[in-house]
PDB file of N, CA and C in Angstrom:
ATOM      1  N   MET A   1     -14.848 -11.470   1.344  1.00  0.00           N
ATOM      2  CA  MET A   1     -14.743 -10.320   2.228  1.00  0.00           C
ATOM      3  C   MET A   1     -13.978 -10.686   3.503  1.00  0.00           C
ATOM      4  N   LYS A   2     -14.305 -11.855   4.081  1.00  0.00           N
ATOM      5  CA  LYS A   2     -13.621 -12.274   5.317  1.00  0.00           C
ATOM      6  C   LYS A   2     -12.125 -12.448   5.068  1.00  0.00           C
ATOM      7  N   ALA A   3     -11.761 -13.003   3.928  1.00  0.00           N
ATOM      8  CA  ALA A   3     -10.339 -13.201   3.629  1.00  0.00           C
ATOM      9  C   ALA A   3      -9.611 -11.857   3.567  1.00  0.00           C
ATOM     10  N   LEU A   4     -10.234 -10.871   2.965  1.00  0.00           N
ATOM     11  CA  LEU A   4      -9.634  -9.536   2.888  1.00  0.00           C
ATOM     12  C   LEU A   4      -9.496  -8.929   4.292  1.00  0.00           C
ATOM     13  N   LEU A   5     -10.542  -9.062   5.115  1.00  0.00           N
ATOM     14  CA  LEU A   5     -10.482  -8.545   6.476  1.00  0.00           C
ATOM     15  C   LEU A   5      -9.379  -9.231   7.282  1.00  0.00           C
ATOM     16  N   ILE A   6      -9.249 -10.541   7.108  1.00  0.00           N
ATOM     17  CA  ILE A   6      -8.195 -11.278   7.812  1.00  0.00           C
ATOM     18  C   ILE A   6      -6.821 -10.800   7.351  1.00  0.00           C
ATOM     19  N   ALA A   7      -6.664 -10.609   6.049  1.00  0.00           N
ATOM     20  CA  ALA A   7      -5.377 -10.136   5.523  1.00  0.00           C
ATOM     21  C   ALA A   7      -5.035  -8.746   6.065  1.00  0.00           C
ATOM     22  N   VAL A   8      -6.020  -7.860   6.094  1.00  0.00           N
ATOM     23  CA  VAL A   8      -5.799  -6.506   6.624  1.00  0.00           C
ATOM     24  C   VAL A   8      -5.464  -6.581   8.111  1.00  0.00           C
ATOM     25  N   LEU A   9      -6.196  -7.404   8.866  1.00  0.00           N
ATOM     26  CA  LEU A   9      -5.941  -7.539  10.298  1.00  0.00           C
ATOM     27  C   LEU A   9      -4.538  -8.077  10.568  1.00  0.00           C
ATOM     28  N   ILE A  10      -4.115  -9.064   9.810  1.00  0.00           N
ATOM     29  CA  ILE A  10      -2.774  -9.627   9.987  1.00  0.00           C
ATOM     30  C   ILE A  10      -1.699  -8.595   9.638  1.00  0.00           C
ATOM     31  N   ALA A  11      -1.858  -7.922   8.508  1.00  0.00           N
ATOM     32  CA  ALA A  11      -0.869  -6.920   8.092  1.00  0.00           C
ATOM     33  C   ALA A  11      -0.824  -5.755   9.087  1.00  0.00           C
ATOM     34  N   PHE A  12      -1.987  -5.291   9.520  1.00  0.00           N
ATOM     35  CA  PHE A  12      -2.036  -4.184  10.465  1.00  0.00           C
ATOM     36  C   PHE A  12      -1.470  -4.594  11.821  1.00  0.00           C
ATOM     37  N   SER A  13      -1.740  -5.819  12.233  1.00  0.00           N
ATOM     38  CA  SER A  13      -1.190  -6.330  13.496  1.00  0.00           C
ATOM     39  C   SER A  13       0.331  -6.393  13.447  1.00  0.00           C
ATOM     40  N   ALA A  14       0.859  -6.874  12.330  1.00  0.00           N
ATOM     41  CA  ALA A  14       2.316  -6.956  12.178  1.00  0.00           C
ATOM     42  C   ALA A  14       2.934  -5.555  12.197  1.00  0.00           C
ATOM     43  N   PHE A  15       2.322  -4.628  11.478  1.00  0.00           N
ATOM     44  CA  PHE A  15       2.833  -3.262  11.453  1.00  0.00           C
ATOM     45  C   PHE A  15       2.764  -2.635  12.842  1.00  0.00           C
ATOM     46  N   THR A  16       1.643  -2.841  13.536  1.00  0.00           N
ATOM     47  CA  THR A  16       1.484  -2.292  14.881  1.00  0.00           C
ATOM     48  C   THR A  16       2.516  -2.878  15.835  1.00  0.00           C
ATOM     49  N   ALA A  17       2.761  -4.172  15.742  1.00  0.00           N
ATOM     50  CA  ALA A  17       3.768  -4.803  16.600  1.00  0.00           C
ATOM     51  C   ALA A  17       5.146  -4.201  16.341  1.00  0.00           C
ATOM     52  N   TRP A  18       5.465  -3.964  15.077  1.00  0.00           N
ATOM     53  CA  TRP A  18       6.752  -3.358  14.726  1.00  0.00           C
ATOM     54  C   TRP A  18       6.845  -1.939  15.296  1.00  0.00           C
ATOM     55  N   VAL A  19       5.781  -1.161  15.128  1.00  0.00           N
ATOM     56  CA  VAL A  19       5.770   0.218  15.651  1.00  0.00           C
ATOM     57  C   VAL A  19       5.907   0.208  17.168  1.00  0.00           C
ATOM     58  N   MET A  20       5.164  -0.667  17.831  1.00  0.00           N
ATOM     59  CA  MET A  20       5.249  -0.746  19.295  1.00  0.00           C
ATOM     60  C   MET A  20       6.660  -1.130  19.733  1.00  0.00           C
ATOM     61  N   ALA A  21       7.317  -2.003  18.984  1.00  0.00           N
ATOM     62  CA  ALA A  21       8.695  -2.385  19.314  1.00  0.00           C
ATOM     63  C   ALA A  21       9.646  -1.207  19.117  1.00  0.00           C
ATOM     64  N   GLN A  22       9.352  -0.358  18.160  1.00  0.00           N
ATOM     65  CA  GLN A  22      10.214   0.785  17.866  1.00  0.00           C
ATOM     66  C   GLN A  22      10.037   1.934  18.864  1.00  0.00           C
ATOM     67  N   VAL A  23       8.760   2.295  19.138  1.00  0.00           N
ATOM     68  CA  VAL A  23       8.513   3.504  19.938  1.00  0.00           C
ATOM     69  C   VAL A  23       7.659   3.276  21.170  1.00  0.00           C
ATOM     70  N   GLY A  24       7.000   2.137  21.300  1.00  0.00           N
ATOM     71  CA  GLY A  24       6.124   1.873  22.434  1.00  0.00           C
ATOM     72  C   GLY A  24       4.794   2.603  22.324  1.00  0.00           C
ATOM     73  N   TYR A  25       3.877   2.253  23.218  1.00  0.00           N
ATOM     74  CA  TYR A  25       2.541   2.853  23.192  1.00  0.00           C
ATOM     75  C   TYR A  25       2.601   4.361  23.431  1.00  0.00           C
ATOM     76  N   VAL A  26       3.403   4.770  24.411  1.00  0.00           N
ATOM     77  CA  VAL A  26       3.541   6.208  24.703  1.00  0.00           C
ATOM     78  C   VAL A  26       4.162   6.936  23.513  1.00  0.00           C
ATOM     79  N   GLY A  27       5.103   6.294  22.836  1.00  0.00           N
ATOM     80  CA  GLY A  27       5.736   6.896  21.670  1.00  0.00           C
ATOM     81  C   GLY A  27       4.771   7.165  20.536  1.00  0.00           C
ATOM     82  N   ILE A  28       3.776   6.311  20.400  1.00  0.00           N
ATOM     83  CA  ILE A  28       2.751   6.543  19.372  1.00  0.00           C
ATOM     84  C   ILE A  28       2.023   7.849  19.667  1.00  0.00           C
ATOM     85  N   TRP A  29       1.643   8.044  20.947  1.00  0.00           N
ATOM     86  CA  TRP A  29       0.930   9.272  21.318  1.00  0.00           C
ATOM     87  C   TRP A  29       1.836  10.494  21.237  1.00  0.00           C
ATOM     88  N   THR A  30       3.097  10.333  21.599  1.00  0.00           N
ATOM     89  CA  THR A  30       4.043  11.445  21.494  1.00  0.00           C
ATOM     90  C   THR A  30       4.165  11.888  20.036  1.00  0.00           C
ATOM     91  N   GLY A  31       4.254  10.909  19.144  1.00  0.00           N
ATOM     92  CA  GLY A  31       4.328  11.224  17.716  1.00  0.00           C
ATOM     93  C   GLY A  31       3.051  11.864  17.207  1.00  0.00           C
ATOM     94  N   ALA A  32       1.907  11.406  17.723  1.00  0.00           N
ATOM     95  CA  ALA A  32       0.614  11.939  17.282  1.00  0.00           C
ATOM     96  C   ALA A  32       0.418  13.387  17.713  1.00  0.00           C
ATOM     97  N   LEU A  33       1.144  13.808  18.743  1.00  0.00           N
ATOM     98  CA  LEU A  33       1.011  15.173  19.253  1.00  0.00           C
ATOM     99  C   LEU A  33       2.239  16.026  18.949  1.00  0.00           C
ATOM    100  N   ALA A  34       3.104  15.544  18.057  1.00  0.00           N
ATOM    101  CA  ALA A  34       4.390  16.192  17.802  1.00  0.00           C
ATOM    102  C   ALA A  34       4.282  17.536  17.079  1.00  0.00           C
ATOM    103  N   ASN A  35       3.281  17.686  16.212  1.00  0.00           N
ATOM    104  CA  ASN A  35       3.147  18.933  15.457  1.00  0.00           C
ATOM    105  C   ASN A  35       1.706  19.070  14.974  1.00  0.00           C
ATOM    106  N   PRO A  36       1.328  20.241  14.466  1.00  0.00           N
ATOM    107  CA  PRO A  36      -0.059  20.435  14.039  1.00  0.00           C
ATOM    108  C   PRO A  36      -0.510  19.448  12.954  1.00  0.00           C
ATOM    109  N   GLY A  37       0.377  19.048  12.082  1.00  0.00           N
ATOM    110  CA  GLY A  37       0.003  18.095  11.037  1.00  0.00           C
ATOM    111  C   GLY A  37      -0.368  16.742  11.613  1.00  0.00           C
ATOM    112  N   SER A  38       0.442  16.239  12.534  1.00  0.00           N
ATOM    113  CA  SER A  38       0.127  14.951  13.139  1.00  0.00           C
ATOM    114  C   SER A  38      -1.084  15.067  14.060  1.00  0.00           C
ATOM    115  N   GLU A  39      -1.274  16.221  14.702  1.00  0.00           N
ATOM    116  CA  GLU A  39      -2.461  16.431  15.527  1.00  0.00           C
ATOM    117  C   GLU A  39      -3.724  16.411  14.669  1.00  0.00           C
ATOM    118  N   GLN A  40      -3.654  16.958  13.463  1.00  0.00           N
ATOM    119  CA  GLN A  40      -4.805  16.949  12.565  1.00  0.00           C
ATOM    120  C   GLN A  40      -5.161  15.515  12.185  1.00  0.00           C
ATOM    121  N   VAL A  41      -4.164  14.699  11.904  1.00  0.00           N
ATOM    122  CA  VAL A  41      -4.408  13.295  11.575  1.00  0.00           C
ATOM    123  C   VAL A  41      -5.038  12.587  12.776  1.00  0.00           C
ATOM    124  N   LEU A  42      -4.556  12.859  13.978  1.00  0.00           N
ATOM    125  CA  LEU A  42      -5.121  12.261  15.183  1.00  0.00           C
ATOM    126  C   LEU A  42      -6.586  12.654  15.354  1.00  0.00           C
ATOM    127  N   VAL A  43      -6.901  13.926  15.210  1.00  0.00           N
ATOM    128  CA  VAL A  43      -8.283  14.383  15.342  1.00  0.00           C
ATOM    129  C   VAL A  43      -9.165  13.720  14.286  1.00  0.00           C
ATOM    130  N   ASP A  44      -8.665  13.616  13.064  1.00  0.00           N
ATOM    131  CA  ASP A  44      -9.405  12.958  11.987  1.00  0.00           C
ATOM    132  C   ASP A  44      -9.693  11.501  12.347  1.00  0.00           C
ATOM    133  N   LEU A  45      -8.711  10.799  12.891  1.00  0.00           N
ATOM    134  CA  LEU A  45      -8.897   9.405  13.281  1.00  0.00           C
ATOM    135  C   LEU A  45      -9.880   9.273  14.440  1.00  0.00           C
ATOM    136  N   VAL A  46      -9.836  10.207  15.383  1.00  0.00           N
ATOM    137  CA  VAL A  46     -10.787  10.177  16.494  1.00  0.00           C
ATOM    138  C   VAL A  46     -12.210  10.349  15.976  1.00  0.00           C
ATOM    139  N   ILE A  47     -12.413  11.278  15.060  1.00  0.00           N
ATOM    140  CA  ILE A  47     -13.735  11.494  14.466  1.00  0.00           C
ATOM    141  C   ILE A  47     -14.186  10.243  13.719  1.00  0.00           C
ATOM    142  N   ALA A  48     -13.307   9.665  12.902  1.00  0.00           N
ATOM    143  CA  ALA A  48     -13.653   8.467  12.136  1.00  0.00           C
ATOM    144  C   ALA A  48     -13.992   7.303  13.074  1.00  0.00           C
ATOM    145  N   CYS A  49     -13.211   7.116  14.115  1.00  0.00           N
ATOM    146  CA  CYS A  49     -13.477   6.027  15.061  1.00  0.00           C
ATOM    147  C   CYS A  49     -14.789   6.249  15.808  1.00  0.00           C
ATOM    148  N   ALA A  50     -15.096   7.501  16.142  1.00  0.00           N
ATOM    149  CA  ALA A  50     -16.370   7.793  16.810  1.00  0.00           C
ATOM    150  C   ALA A  50     -17.542   7.454  15.897  1.00  0.00           C
ATOM    151  N   LEU A  51     -17.440   7.829  14.636  1.00  0.00           N
ATOM    152  CA  LEU A  51     -18.503   7.505  13.677  1.00  0.00           C
ATOM    153  C   LEU A  51     -18.646   5.999  13.494  1.00  0.00           C
ATOM    154  N   ILE A  52     -17.533   5.299  13.452  1.00  0.00           N
ATOM    155  CA  ILE A  52     -17.563   3.846  13.314  1.00  0.00           C
ATOM    156  C   ILE A  52     -18.195   3.211  14.551  1.00  0.00           C
ATOM    157  N   CYS A  53     -17.902   3.747  15.731  1.00  0.00           N
ATOM    158  CA  CYS A  53     -18.504   3.219  16.964  1.00  0.00           C
ATOM    159  C   CYS A  53     -20.026   3.379  16.939  1.00  0.00           C
ATOM    160  N   VAL A  54     -20.504   4.517  16.482  1.00  0.00           N
ATOM    161  CA  VAL A  54     -21.952   4.729  16.361  1.00  0.00           C
ATOM    162  C   VAL A  54     -22.539   3.687  15.414  1.00  0.00           C
ATOM    163  N   TRP A  55     -21.900   3.460  14.276  1.00  0.00           N
ATOM    164  CA  TRP A  55     -22.385   2.459  13.331  1.00  0.00           C
ATOM    165  C   TRP A  55     -22.363   1.063  13.952  1.00  0.00           C
ATOM    166  N   MET A  56     -21.269   0.709  14.653  1.00  0.00           N
ATOM    167  CA  MET A  56     -21.181  -0.625  15.257  1.00  0.00           C
ATOM    168  C   MET A  56     -22.304  -0.840  16.264  1.00  0.00           C
ATOM    169  N   ILE A  57     -22.591   0.173  17.083  1.00  0.00           N
ATOM    170  CA  ILE A  57     -23.655   0.054  18.079  1.00  0.00           C
ATOM    171  C   ILE A  57     -24.992  -0.177  17.405  1.00  0.00           C
ATOM    172  N   LYS A  58     -25.312   0.618  16.382  1.00  0.00           N
ATOM    173  CA  LYS A  58     -26.590   0.460  15.675  1.00  0.00           C
ATOM    174  C   LYS A  58     -26.664  -0.884  14.955  1.00  0.00           C
ATOM    175  N   ASP A  59     -25.579  -1.287  14.321  1.00  0.00           N
ATOM    176  CA  ASP A  59     -25.553  -2.557  13.604  1.00  0.00           C
ATOM    177  C   ASP A  59     -25.708  -3.729  14.570  1.00  0.00           C
ATOM    178  N   ALA A  60     -25.025  -3.663  15.705  1.00  0.00           N
ATOM    179  CA  ALA A  60     -25.122  -4.738  16.700  1.00  0.00           C
ATOM    180  C   ALA A  60     -26.538  -4.828  17.256  1.00  0.00           C
ATOM    181  N   GLN A  61     -27.175  -3.696  17.504  1.00  0.00           N
ATOM    182  CA  GLN A  61     -28.559  -3.708  17.996  1.00  0.00           C
ATOM    183  C   GLN A  61     -29.480  -4.389  16.996  1.00  0.00           C
ATOM    184  N   GLN A  62     -29.304  -4.095  15.711  1.00  0.00           N
ATOM    185  CA  GLN A  62     -30.125  -4.718  14.668  1.00  0.00           C
ATOM    186  C   GLN A  62     -29.887  -6.225  14.598  1.00  0.00           C
ATOM    187  N   ARG A  63     -28.703  -6.659  14.956  1.00  0.00           N
ATOM    188  CA  ARG A  63     -28.347  -8.075  14.891  1.00  0.00           C
ATOM    189  C   ARG A  63     -28.571  -8.791  16.222  1.00  0.00           C
ATOM    190  N   GLY A  64     -29.027  -8.080  17.238  1.00  0.00           N
ATOM    191  CA  GLY A  64     -29.237  -8.683  18.541  1.00  0.00           C
ATOM    192  C   GLY A  64     -27.943  -9.045  19.246  1.00  0.00           C
ATOM    193  N   ALA A  65     -26.916  -8.240  19.045  1.00  0.00           N
ATOM    194  CA  ALA A  65     -25.599  -8.508  19.626  1.00  0.00           C
ATOM    195  C   ALA A  65     -25.166  -7.319  20.483  1.00  0.00           C
ATOM    196  N   GLN A  66     -24.050  -7.494  21.162  1.00  0.00           N
ATOM    197  CA  GLN A  66     -23.458  -6.436  21.972  1.00  0.00           C
ATOM    198  C   GLN A  66     -22.263  -5.840  21.233  1.00  0.00           C
ATOM    199  N   ALA A  67     -22.211  -4.527  21.171  1.00  0.00           N
ATOM    200  CA  ALA A  67     -21.099  -3.854  20.503  1.00  0.00           C
ATOM    201  C   ALA A  67     -20.030  -3.388  21.484  1.00  0.00           C
ATOM    202  N   TRP A  68     -20.339  -3.355  22.783  1.00  0.00           N
ATOM    203  CA  TRP A  68     -19.442  -2.715  23.741  1.00  0.00           C
ATOM    204  C   TRP A  68     -18.029  -3.281  23.747  1.00  0.00           C
ATOM    205  N   PRO A  69     -17.818  -4.611  23.575  1.00  0.00           N
ATOM    206  CA  PRO A  69     -16.416  -5.061  23.568  1.00  0.00           C
ATOM    207  C   PRO A  69     -15.623  -4.436  22.409  1.00  0.00           C
ATOM    208  N   PHE A  70     -16.276  -4.304  21.276  1.00  0.00           N
ATOM    209  CA  PHE A  70     -15.604  -3.763  20.094  1.00  0.00           C
ATOM    210  C   PHE A  70     -15.429  -2.247  20.203  1.00  0.00           C
ATOM    211  N   VAL A  71     -16.380  -1.585  20.847  1.00  0.00           N
ATOM    212  CA  VAL A  71     -16.239  -0.144  21.098  1.00  0.00           C
ATOM    213  C   VAL A  71     -15.060   0.092  22.037  1.00  0.00           C
ATOM    214  N   LEU A  72     -14.947  -0.717  23.089  1.00  0.00           N
ATOM    215  CA  LEU A  72     -13.802  -0.582  24.013  1.00  0.00           C
ATOM    216  C   LEU A  72     -12.479  -0.828  23.298  1.00  0.00           C
ATOM    217  N   ILE A  73     -12.444  -1.837  22.434  1.00  0.00           N
ATOM    218  CA  ILE A  73     -11.219  -2.101  21.671  1.00  0.00           C
ATOM    219  C   ILE A  73     -10.902  -0.915  20.766  1.00  0.00           C
ATOM    220  N   THR A  74     -11.935  -0.350  20.137  1.00  0.00           N
ATOM    221  CA  THR A  74     -11.729   0.811  19.263  1.00  0.00           C
ATOM    222  C   THR A  74     -11.183   1.992  20.058  1.00  0.00           C
ATOM    223  N   LEU A  75     -11.712   2.215  21.248  1.00  0.00           N
ATOM    224  CA  LEU A  75     -11.253   3.341  22.069  1.00  0.00           C
ATOM    225  C   LEU A  75      -9.820   3.165  22.554  1.00  0.00           C
ATOM    226  N   THR A  76      -9.378   1.930  22.715  1.00  0.00           N
ATOM    227  CA  THR A  76      -8.026   1.691  23.223  1.00  0.00           C
ATOM    228  C   THR A  76      -7.021   1.292  22.148  1.00  0.00           C
ATOM    229  N   ALA A  77      -7.513   0.691  21.064  1.00  0.00           N
ATOM    230  CA  ALA A  77      -6.587   0.168  20.051  1.00  0.00           C
ATOM    231  C   ALA A  77      -6.983   0.532  18.628  1.00  0.00           C
ATOM    232  N   GLY A  78      -7.852   1.511  18.472  1.00  0.00           N
ATOM    233  CA  GLY A  78      -8.184   2.014  17.142  1.00  0.00           C
ATOM    234  C   GLY A  78      -8.857   1.003  16.225  1.00  0.00           C
ATOM    235  N   SER A  79      -8.324   0.846  15.052  1.00  0.00           N
ATOM    236  CA  SER A  79      -8.944   0.065  13.984  1.00  0.00           C
ATOM    237  C   SER A  79      -9.102  -1.419  14.288  1.00  0.00           C
ATOM    238  N   PHE A  80      -8.430  -1.906  15.326  1.00  0.00           N
ATOM    239  CA  PHE A  80      -8.607  -3.312  15.675  1.00  0.00           C
ATOM    240  C   PHE A  80     -10.062  -3.612  16.051  1.00  0.00           C
ATOM    241  N   GLY A  81     -10.734  -2.675  16.706  1.00  0.00           N
ATOM    242  CA  GLY A  81     -12.126  -2.875  17.097  1.00  0.00           C
ATOM    243  C   GLY A  81     -13.051  -3.113  15.913  1.00  0.00           C
ATOM    244  N   PRO A  82     -13.108  -2.198  14.954  1.00  0.00           N
ATOM    245  CA  PRO A  82     -13.976  -2.414  13.801  1.00  0.00           C
ATOM    246  C   PRO A  82     -13.576  -3.631  12.958  1.00  0.00           C
ATOM    247  N   LEU A  83     -12.288  -3.872  12.820  1.00  0.00           N
ATOM    248  CA  LEU A  83     -11.862  -5.052  12.056  1.00  0.00           C
ATOM    249  C   LEU A  83     -12.365  -6.335  12.716  1.00  0.00           C
ATOM    250  N   LEU A  84     -12.209  -6.430  14.018  1.00  0.00           N
ATOM    251  CA  LEU A  84     -12.692  -7.617  14.730  1.00  0.00           C
ATOM    252  C   LEU A  84     -14.215  -7.702  14.701  1.00  0.00           C
ATOM    253  N   TYR A  85     -14.880  -6.570  14.820  1.00  0.00           N
ATOM    254  CA  TYR A  85     -16.342  -6.559  14.759  1.00  0.00           C
ATOM    255  C   TYR A  85     -16.817  -7.129  13.422  1.00  0.00           C
ATOM    256  N   LEU A  86     -16.239  -6.648  12.344  1.00  0.00           N
ATOM    257  CA  LEU A  86     -16.656  -7.128  11.026  1.00  0.00           C
ATOM    258  C   LEU A  86     -16.361  -8.610  10.843  1.00  0.00           C
ATOM    259  N   LEU A  87     -15.269  -9.080  11.412  1.00  0.00           N
ATOM    260  CA  LEU A  87     -14.924 -10.503  11.299  1.00  0.00           C
ATOM    261  C   LEU A  87     -15.843 -11.395  12.138  1.00  0.00           C
ATOM    262  N   LEU A  88     -16.264 -10.891  13.297  1.00  0.00           N
ATOM    263  CA  LEU A  88     -16.957 -11.745  14.262  1.00  0.00           C
ATOM    264  C   LEU A  88     -18.459 -11.480  14.390  1.00  0.00           C
ATOM    265  N   ARG A  89     -18.982 -10.468  13.700  1.00  0.00           N
ATOM    266  CA  ARG A  89     -20.393 -10.117  13.918  1.00  0.00           C
ATOM    267  C   ARG A  89     -21.323 -11.233  13.476  1.00  0.00           C
ATOM    268  N   ARG A  90     -22.448 -11.291  14.174  1.00  0.00           N
ATOM    269  CA  ARG A  90     -23.462 -12.292  13.907  1.00  0.00           C
ATOM    270  C   ARG A  90     -24.216 -11.959  12.624  1.00  0.00           C
ATOM    271  N   PRO A  91     -24.792 -12.988  11.990  1.00  0.00           N
ATOM    272  CA  PRO A  91     -25.642 -12.713  10.821  1.00  0.00           C
ATOM    273  C   PRO A  91     -26.847 -11.852  11.220  1.00  0.00           C
ATOM    274  N   GLN A  92     -27.399 -11.166  10.254  1.00  0.00           N
ATOM    275  CA  GLN A  92     -28.555 -10.282  10.472  1.00  0.00           C
ATOM    276  C   GLN A  92     -29.701 -11.070  11.071  1.00  0.00           C
ATOM    277  N   ALA A  93     -30.323 -10.524  12.133  1.00  0.00           N
ATOM    278  CA  ALA A  93     -31.496 -11.166  12.747  1.00  0.00           C
ATOM    279  C   ALA A  93     -32.673 -11.105  11.775  1.00  0.00           C
ATOM    280  N   ALA A  94     -33.459 -12.157  11.759  1.00  0.00           N
ATOM    281  CA  ALA A  94     -34.605 -12.219  10.807  1.00  0.00           C
ATOM    282  C   ALA A  94     -35.772 -11.409  11.289  1.00  0.00           C
TER     283      ALA A  94
END
């Protein structure tokens, strides 16, 4: 599982770096608000990220960890937060 998460994180990081080089951070948001179709995708991603943040908070509490760094990353950088959380989370508390 960790190997798959690392592969996804590396591939997504490379793609994100390429996109940022092409359009920049503001360009990503401009594209996300360009038309109703892209706005729908943005709203869908916001809902999915919010649900993931709720899960991360509950999971971190059960593990005796803090979720806030990963929630902040999710709010500012999307899927990087949950990917890093899954890679770095502590084992389940006994």
